[in-house]
Amino acid sequence: MQVIGMSEGFLPTANKSEVRIVRLQQQGAADNLFETIVNLKNIEVGKAPDVQLQSGDVILIPTHVKPERPPRPAPPEKDIARVL
């Protein structure tokens, strides 16, 4: 939580219940990515312990706002014969 405070906090659209922490861990000659989902709401109210971050961790905070739908395409124009 301290790192979030240092980054000026959350935007109003932040989904604090599904924050992802991505960590690269070396196992032998292979590198593996591990993802952990953290509920920061529970950490804020003391229902869950704070997560210890490591150097290189990436924090992804999703938003509640769904992307806008693209506008519907205009209906095709009908061919109208013009009389001259």
N, C-alpha and C. Protein backbone atom coordinates (compact mmCIF):
# COMPACT_ATOMS: atom_id res chain seq x y z
N MET A 1 0.81 -1.19 0.00
CA MET A 1 0.00 0.00 0.00
C MET A 1 0.86 1.26 0.00
N GLN A 2 2.03 1.19 0.56
CA GLN A 2 2.88 2.38 0.62
C GLN A 2 3.26 2.85 -0.78
N VAL A 3 3.50 1.92 -1.68
CA VAL A 3 3.90 2.30 -3.03
C VAL A 3 2.75 3.02 -3.74
N ILE A 4 1.51 2.65 -3.45
CA ILE A 4 0.36 3.33 -4.04
C ILE A 4 0.29 4.76 -3.51
N GLY A 5 0.51 4.94 -2.24
CA GLY A 5 0.51 6.28 -1.66
C GLY A 5 1.60 7.15 -2.25
N MET A 6 2.76 6.57 -2.52
CA MET A 6 3.86 7.33 -3.11
C MET A 6 3.54 7.75 -4.54
N SER A 7 2.63 7.03 -5.19
CA SER A 7 2.30 7.36 -6.58
C SER A 7 1.05 8.23 -6.67
N GLU A 8 0.70 8.92 -5.60
CA GLU A 8 -0.43 9.85 -5.54
C GLU A 8 -1.79 9.16 -5.49
N GLY A 9 -1.85 7.90 -5.15
CA GLY A 9 -3.12 7.22 -4.92
C GLY A 9 -3.80 6.70 -6.17
N PHE A 10 -5.10 6.47 -6.04
CA PHE A 10 -5.89 5.84 -7.10
C PHE A 10 -6.72 6.87 -7.86
N LEU A 11 -7.02 6.56 -9.09
CA LEU A 11 -8.01 7.32 -9.84
C LEU A 11 -9.39 6.87 -9.35
N PRO A 12 -10.41 7.69 -9.53
CA PRO A 12 -11.75 7.29 -9.09
C PRO A 12 -12.27 6.02 -9.79
N THR A 13 -11.74 5.70 -10.95
CA THR A 13 -12.20 4.53 -11.71
C THR A 13 -11.44 3.26 -11.36
N ALA A 14 -10.51 3.32 -10.42
CA ALA A 14 -9.68 2.16 -10.09
C ALA A 14 -10.51 1.04 -9.47
N ASN A 15 -10.25 -0.18 -9.90
CA ASN A 15 -10.89 -1.36 -9.34
C ASN A 15 -9.91 -1.96 -8.33
N LYS A 16 -10.02 -1.54 -7.09
CA LYS A 16 -9.05 -1.93 -6.06
C LYS A 16 -9.22 -3.36 -5.58
N SER A 17 -10.28 -4.03 -6.01
CA SER A 17 -10.48 -5.40 -5.54
C SER A 17 -9.80 -6.43 -6.45
N GLU A 18 -9.24 -6.00 -7.57
CA GLU A 18 -8.60 -6.95 -8.49
C GLU A 18 -7.26 -6.44 -9.00
N VAL A 19 -6.42 -5.98 -8.10
CA VAL A 19 -5.10 -5.47 -8.47
C VAL A 19 -4.19 -6.66 -8.75
N ARG A 20 -3.46 -6.59 -9.84
CA ARG A 20 -2.56 -7.68 -10.21
C ARG A 20 -1.10 -7.29 -9.97
N ILE A 21 -0.37 -8.22 -9.38
CA ILE A 21 1.07 -8.05 -9.21
C ILE A 21 1.74 -9.12 -10.05
N VAL A 22 2.56 -8.67 -10.99
CA VAL A 22 3.26 -9.60 -11.88
C VAL A 22 4.73 -9.60 -11.46
N ARG A 23 5.24 -10.80 -11.26
CA ARG A 23 6.61 -10.97 -10.76
C ARG A 23 7.37 -11.96 -11.64
N LEU A 24 8.58 -11.59 -11.99
CA LEU A 24 9.46 -12.47 -12.75
C LEU A 24 10.33 -13.23 -11.76
N GLN A 25 10.30 -14.56 -11.84
CA GLN A 25 11.13 -15.37 -10.96
C GLN A 25 11.96 -16.33 -11.80
N GLN A 26 13.22 -16.42 -11.44
CA GLN A 26 14.10 -17.35 -12.14
C GLN A 26 14.07 -18.69 -11.43
N GLN A 27 13.87 -19.72 -12.23
CA GLN A 27 13.92 -21.08 -11.71
C GLN A 27 14.88 -21.86 -12.59
N GLY A 28 16.09 -22.00 -12.10
CA GLY A 28 17.11 -22.64 -12.91
C GLY A 28 17.47 -21.75 -14.09
N ALA A 29 17.44 -22.33 -15.28
CA ALA A 29 17.77 -21.56 -16.48
C ALA A 29 16.55 -20.85 -17.06
N ALA A 30 15.37 -21.10 -16.52
CA ALA A 30 14.14 -20.53 -17.08
C ALA A 30 13.65 -19.36 -16.23
N ASP A 31 13.05 -18.39 -16.92
CA ASP A 31 12.38 -17.28 -16.25
C ASP A 31 10.88 -17.53 -16.32
N ASN A 32 10.20 -17.35 -15.22
CA ASN A 32 8.76 -17.56 -15.19
C ASN A 32 8.07 -16.31 -14.65
N LEU A 33 6.93 -15.96 -15.26
CA LEU A 33 6.12 -14.87 -14.76
C LEU A 33 5.03 -15.43 -13.87
N PHE A 34 4.87 -14.82 -12.70
CA PHE A 34 3.82 -15.22 -11.78
C PHE A 34 2.92 -14.01 -11.55
N GLU A 35 1.62 -14.26 -11.57
CA GLU A 35 0.66 -13.19 -11.36
C GLU A 35 -0.14 -13.49 -10.10
N THR A 36 -0.26 -12.49 -9.24
CA THR A 36 -1.04 -12.60 -8.02
C THR A 36 -2.11 -11.52 -8.06
N ILE A 37 -3.35 -11.89 -7.74
CA ILE A 37 -4.44 -10.92 -7.66
C ILE A 37 -4.63 -10.55 -6.20
N VAL A 38 -4.63 -9.25 -5.93
CA VAL A 38 -4.70 -8.74 -4.57
C VAL A 38 -5.93 -7.85 -4.44
N ASN A 39 -6.65 -7.98 -3.31
CA ASN A 39 -7.78 -7.11 -3.03
C ASN A 39 -7.30 -6.00 -2.10
N LEU A 40 -7.00 -4.84 -2.68
CA LEU A 40 -6.48 -3.75 -1.87
C LEU A 40 -7.52 -3.17 -0.92
N LYS A 41 -8.80 -3.35 -1.24
CA LYS A 41 -9.84 -2.90 -0.30
C LYS A 41 -9.68 -3.61 1.03
N ASN A 42 -9.42 -4.92 0.99
CA ASN A 42 -9.24 -5.69 2.22
C ASN A 42 -7.98 -5.27 2.97
N ILE A 43 -6.93 -4.92 2.24
CA ILE A 43 -5.70 -4.47 2.89
C ILE A 43 -5.94 -3.13 3.57
N GLU A 44 -6.70 -2.24 2.91
CA GLU A 44 -6.97 -0.91 3.48
C GLU A 44 -7.71 -0.99 4.81
N VAL A 45 -8.61 -1.94 4.95
CA VAL A 45 -9.41 -2.03 6.18
C VAL A 45 -8.83 -3.05 7.17
N GLY A 46 -7.67 -3.61 6.87
CA GLY A 46 -7.01 -4.52 7.80
C GLY A 46 -7.50 -5.95 7.76
N LYS A 47 -8.25 -6.33 6.74
CA LYS A 47 -8.73 -7.72 6.63
C LYS A 47 -7.72 -8.64 5.96
N ALA A 48 -6.70 -8.05 5.35
CA ALA A 48 -5.65 -8.84 4.69
C ALA A 48 -4.31 -8.14 4.93
N PRO A 49 -3.23 -8.92 5.00
CA PRO A 49 -1.91 -8.30 5.21
C PRO A 49 -1.43 -7.58 3.96
N ASP A 50 -0.62 -6.56 4.17
CA ASP A 50 -0.02 -5.84 3.04
C ASP A 50 0.93 -6.78 2.30
N VAL A 51 1.07 -6.56 1.03
CA VAL A 51 1.92 -7.41 0.19
C VAL A 51 3.31 -6.79 0.11
N GLN A 52 4.33 -7.61 0.30
CA GLN A 52 5.70 -7.15 0.17
C GLN A 52 6.11 -7.21 -1.30
N LEU A 53 6.38 -6.06 -1.87
CA LEU A 53 6.80 -6.02 -3.27
C LEU A 53 8.29 -6.27 -3.36
N GLN A 54 8.70 -6.78 -4.52
CA GLN A 54 10.12 -7.02 -4.78
C GLN A 54 10.55 -6.17 -5.96
N SER A 55 11.82 -5.96 -6.06
CA SER A 55 12.37 -5.20 -7.18
C SER A 55 11.94 -5.85 -8.49
N GLY A 56 11.42 -5.06 -9.40
CA GLY A 56 10.99 -5.58 -10.70
C GLY A 56 9.52 -5.95 -10.77
N ASP A 57 8.80 -5.95 -9.64
CA ASP A 57 7.38 -6.25 -9.66
C ASP A 57 6.63 -5.20 -10.48
N VAL A 58 5.61 -5.63 -11.17
CA VAL A 58 4.76 -4.73 -11.95
C VAL A 58 3.37 -4.78 -11.33
N ILE A 59 2.80 -3.60 -11.07
CA ILE A 59 1.47 -3.50 -10.47
C ILE A 59 0.50 -3.01 -11.54
N LEU A 60 -0.55 -3.78 -11.76
CA LEU A 60 -1.57 -3.44 -12.75
C LEU A 60 -2.89 -3.20 -12.01
N ILE A 61 -3.45 -2.00 -12.18
CA ILE A 61 -4.71 -1.66 -11.51
C ILE A 61 -5.77 -1.45 -12.58
N PRO A 62 -6.72 -2.39 -12.67
CA PRO A 62 -7.77 -2.26 -13.69
C PRO A 62 -8.77 -1.17 -13.31
N THR A 63 -9.65 -0.85 -14.23
CA THR A 63 -10.67 0.16 -13.97
C THR A 63 -12.05 -0.47 -13.98
N HIS A 64 -13.00 0.23 -13.35
CA HIS A 64 -14.40 -0.20 -13.36
C HIS A 64 -15.10 0.21 -14.64
N VAL A 65 -14.58 1.23 -15.28
CA VAL A 65 -15.27 1.81 -16.44
C VAL A 65 -15.12 0.89 -17.64
N LYS A 66 -16.25 0.55 -18.23
CA LYS A 66 -16.20 -0.26 -19.44
C LYS A 66 -15.95 0.66 -20.62
N PRO A 67 -15.18 0.20 -21.60
CA PRO A 67 -14.94 1.05 -22.76
C PRO A 67 -16.24 1.35 -23.49
N GLU A 68 -16.28 2.54 -24.06
CA GLU A 68 -17.47 2.91 -24.82
C GLU A 68 -17.61 2.03 -26.05
N ARG A 69 -18.85 1.76 -26.40
CA ARG A 69 -19.10 1.00 -27.62
C ARG A 69 -18.84 1.90 -28.81
N PRO A 70 -18.27 1.34 -29.85
CA PRO A 70 -18.09 2.17 -31.05
C PRO A 70 -19.47 2.49 -31.63
N PRO A 71 -19.59 3.63 -32.28
CA PRO A 71 -20.89 3.97 -32.85
C PRO A 71 -21.31 2.96 -33.90
N ARG A 72 -22.60 2.76 -33.98
CA ARG A 72 -23.11 1.84 -34.99
C ARG A 72 -22.89 2.41 -36.37
N PRO A 73 -22.58 1.56 -37.30
CA PRO A 73 -22.40 2.08 -38.66
C PRO A 73 -23.74 2.57 -39.21
N ALA A 74 -23.67 3.58 -40.05
CA ALA A 74 -24.89 4.12 -40.65
C ALA A 74 -25.49 3.06 -41.56
N PRO A 75 -26.83 3.03 -41.62
CA PRO A 75 -27.44 2.05 -42.51
C PRO A 75 -27.07 2.36 -43.96
N PRO A 76 -26.96 1.33 -44.78
CA PRO A 76 -26.57 1.57 -46.17
C PRO A 76 -27.65 2.40 -46.88
N GLU A 77 -27.15 3.30 -47.68
CA GLU A 77 -28.11 4.14 -48.44
C GLU A 77 -28.76 3.30 -49.51
N LYS A 78 -30.03 3.54 -49.72
CA LYS A 78 -30.75 2.82 -50.76
C LYS A 78 -30.53 3.53 -52.09
N ASP A 79 -30.40 2.73 -53.11
CA ASP A 79 -30.27 3.30 -54.44
C ASP A 79 -31.61 3.84 -54.89
N ILE A 80 -31.63 5.08 -55.19
CA ILE A 80 -32.87 5.72 -55.68
C ILE A 80 -32.59 6.23 -57.07
N ALA A 81 -33.42 5.80 -57.99
CA ALA A 81 -33.26 6.28 -59.37
C ALA A 81 -33.75 7.71 -59.44
N ARG A 82 -32.94 8.54 -59.98
CA ARG A 82 -33.33 9.95 -60.14
C ARG A 82 -33.87 10.18 -61.53
N VAL A 83 -34.93 10.89 -61.59
CA VAL A 83 -35.53 11.23 -62.86
C VAL A 83 -35.07 12.63 -63.23
N LEU A 84 -34.46 12.72 -64.41
CA LEU A 84 -34.00 14.03 -64.86
C LEU A 84 -34.96 14.65 -65.83
